[in-house]
Amino acid sequence: MTQELVIHGETGPQRVIGYVLDVSHRDGGARCWLDLTDDHLNRHGVLHGGIATMLLDSASGATGSMSIDPAGRAPFLTMSLTTNFLAPARTGRVTATGRITGGGTSTIFIEAQLIDEAGQLIATSTGVFRKVPDHRRSMEHQA
């Protein structure tokens, strides 16, 4: 049985935007979901592209993290991220899921998809992510 590991409000963006991060899936892909409100929509009444990109980025980074830490908390930095917007999302829940497509031990390539509750593909991304070196992680926690 898979243990559920859902992360709420751990980072500033999570607290401000309100998304949830799920790193309990043993398929190696983290999931990031958001229940849309008017606060997430642009002037056209659809999900703001920056928020869609943030969800894809967060799911991708957590997917990278899961590759070395089952709890999904090992930090990865986004080196590049390309987003393609395919359809609008207006209401309900959207979910981003990451998948590692290649790379090595410290730099990896990750694709992600953002879908709505009906399964419609809203946006995709491809990115390059780098593991934060252990010596840098300890310095950051001391600061």
Protein backbone atom coordinates (compact mmCIF):
# COMPACT_ATOMS: atom_id res chain seq x y z
CA MET A 1 0.00 0.00 0.00
CA THR A 2 1.32 3.45 -0.92
CA GLN A 3 1.67 5.93 1.91
CA GLU A 4 0.11 9.30 1.12
CA LEU A 5 2.54 12.19 1.41
CA VAL A 6 0.84 15.49 0.69
CA ILE A 7 2.63 18.78 1.33
CA HIS A 8 0.50 21.83 2.24
CA GLY A 9 1.75 25.39 2.83
CA GLU A 10 5.46 24.55 2.98
CA THR A 11 6.63 27.35 0.67
CA GLY A 12 5.59 30.94 0.15
CA PRO A 13 4.06 30.22 -3.27
CA GLN A 14 2.06 27.34 -1.80
CA ARG A 15 0.68 29.59 0.92
CA VAL A 16 -0.10 32.51 -1.41
CA ILE A 17 -1.51 30.57 -4.39
CA GLY A 18 -2.98 27.65 -2.43
CA TYR A 19 -1.71 24.65 -4.39
CA VAL A 20 -1.03 21.24 -2.86
CA LEU A 21 1.94 18.99 -3.64
CA ASP A 22 1.52 15.20 -3.63
CA VAL A 23 4.72 13.13 -3.60
CA SER A 24 3.14 9.82 -2.61
CA HIS A 25 2.91 8.27 -6.09
CA ARG A 26 5.51 5.57 -6.57
CA ASP A 27 5.48 6.06 -10.34
CA GLY A 28 8.08 8.77 -9.66
CA GLY A 29 5.90 11.67 -10.79
CA ALA A 30 4.93 14.35 -8.31
CA ARG A 31 1.49 15.90 -8.61
CA CYS A 32 0.60 19.47 -7.90
CA TRP A 33 -3.05 20.49 -7.79
CA LEU A 34 -4.98 23.70 -7.41
CA ASP A 35 -8.69 24.32 -6.97
CA LEU A 36 -9.30 27.39 -9.12
CA THR A 37 -10.95 30.51 -7.74
CA ASP A 38 -11.40 33.97 -9.24
CA ASP A 39 -8.03 34.85 -7.65
CA HIS A 40 -6.28 32.50 -10.13
CA LEU A 41 -7.95 33.83 -13.28
CA ASN A 42 -6.74 36.54 -15.63
CA ARG A 43 -8.82 39.36 -17.11
CA HIS A 44 -10.24 36.92 -19.67
CA GLY A 45 -11.61 34.65 -16.94
CA VAL A 46 -9.13 31.81 -17.49
CA LEU A 47 -6.23 30.42 -15.46
CA HIS A 48 -3.35 32.90 -15.53
CA GLY A 49 -0.38 31.58 -17.53
CA GLY A 50 2.08 32.43 -14.78
CA ILE A 51 0.16 30.31 -12.30
CA ALA A 52 -0.08 27.44 -14.80
CA THR A 53 3.68 27.66 -15.33
CA MET A 54 4.32 27.73 -11.57
CA LEU A 55 2.26 24.53 -11.14
CA LEU A 56 4.21 22.79 -13.92
CA ASP A 57 7.50 24.00 -12.44
CA SER A 58 6.56 22.85 -8.93
CA ALA A 59 5.47 19.39 -10.10
CA SER A 60 8.67 19.08 -12.14
CA GLY A 61 10.97 20.13 -9.31
CA ALA A 62 9.27 17.77 -6.88
CA THR A 63 9.53 14.97 -9.45
CA GLY A 64 13.27 15.61 -9.56
CA SER A 65 13.36 15.57 -5.79
CA MET A 66 11.56 12.24 -5.66
CA SER A 67 14.31 10.73 -7.81
CA ILE A 68 16.69 10.96 -4.82
CA ASP A 69 14.38 11.46 -1.81
CA PRO A 70 11.17 9.41 -1.38
CA ALA A 71 9.72 12.24 0.75
CA GLY A 72 10.14 14.67 -2.17
CA ARG A 73 12.00 17.29 -0.16
CA ALA A 74 15.50 17.28 -1.72
CA PRO A 75 15.86 20.69 -3.40
CA PHE A 76 16.21 21.00 -7.18
CA LEU A 77 16.74 24.26 -9.06
CA THR A 78 15.04 25.08 -12.34
CA MET A 79 17.67 25.82 -14.98
CA SER A 80 15.23 26.26 -17.85
CA LEU A 81 11.52 25.77 -18.39
CA THR A 82 9.52 26.02 -21.60
CA THR A 83 5.73 26.12 -21.33
CA ASN A 84 3.16 25.54 -24.06
CA PHE A 85 -0.43 26.66 -23.43
CA LEU A 86 -3.01 24.49 -25.19
CA ALA A 87 -6.45 25.18 -23.71
CA PRO A 88 -8.08 27.48 -21.13
CA ALA A 89 -9.06 26.39 -17.63
CA ARG A 90 -11.80 28.35 -15.89
CA THR A 91 -13.13 26.40 -12.92
CA GLY A 92 -12.51 23.27 -10.90
CA ARG A 93 -9.25 21.53 -10.11
CA VAL A 94 -6.18 21.51 -12.32
CA THR A 95 -3.38 18.99 -11.75
CA ALA A 96 0.22 19.12 -12.94
CA THR A 97 2.23 15.88 -13.14
CA GLY A 98 5.96 15.58 -13.83
CA ARG A 99 7.93 12.80 -15.54
CA ILE A 100 11.70 12.43 -15.83
CA THR A 101 12.76 11.96 -19.44
CA GLY A 102 16.55 11.85 -19.11
CA GLY A 103 19.67 13.23 -17.53
CA GLY A 104 22.30 12.10 -15.08
CA THR A 105 22.90 12.22 -11.35
CA SER A 106 22.76 15.97 -10.83
CA THR A 107 21.06 17.42 -13.93
CA ILE A 108 17.82 15.92 -15.20
CA PHE A 109 15.22 16.60 -17.88
CA ILE A 110 11.56 16.64 -16.89
CA GLU A 111 8.32 16.97 -18.83
CA ALA A 112 5.08 17.97 -17.16
CA GLN A 113 1.42 18.18 -18.08
CA LEU A 114 -1.37 20.29 -16.60
CA ILE A 115 -4.86 18.83 -16.98
CA ASP A 116 -8.30 19.86 -15.78
CA GLU A 117 -10.90 17.69 -14.03
CA ALA A 118 -12.32 16.52 -17.35
CA GLY A 119 -8.88 15.31 -18.44
CA GLN A 120 -8.35 18.11 -20.95
CA LEU A 121 -4.71 19.03 -21.49
CA ILE A 122 -4.29 22.69 -20.47
CA ALA A 123 -0.51 23.16 -20.76
CA THR A 124 2.77 21.25 -21.04
CA SER A 125 6.34 22.03 -20.11
CA THR A 126 9.84 20.73 -20.63
CA GLY A 127 12.62 21.70 -18.31
CA VAL A 128 16.14 21.16 -17.07
CA PHE A 129 16.59 20.80 -13.31
CA ARG A 130 19.69 20.52 -11.15
CA LYS A 131 20.07 18.95 -7.74
CA VAL A 132 21.25 21.42 -5.10
CA PRO A 133 24.64 20.10 -3.92
CA ASP A 134 24.68 18.83 -0.34
CA HIS A 135 27.27 21.39 0.77
CA ARG A 136 25.04 24.22 -0.57
CA ARG A 137 21.98 22.82 1.21
CA SER A 138 23.65 22.95 4.60
CA MET A 139 24.85 26.56 3.98
CA GLU A 140 21.34 27.67 3.04
CA HIS A 141 19.87 26.26 6.25
CA GLN A 142 22.47 28.11 8.34
CA ALA A 143 21.69 31.50 6.80
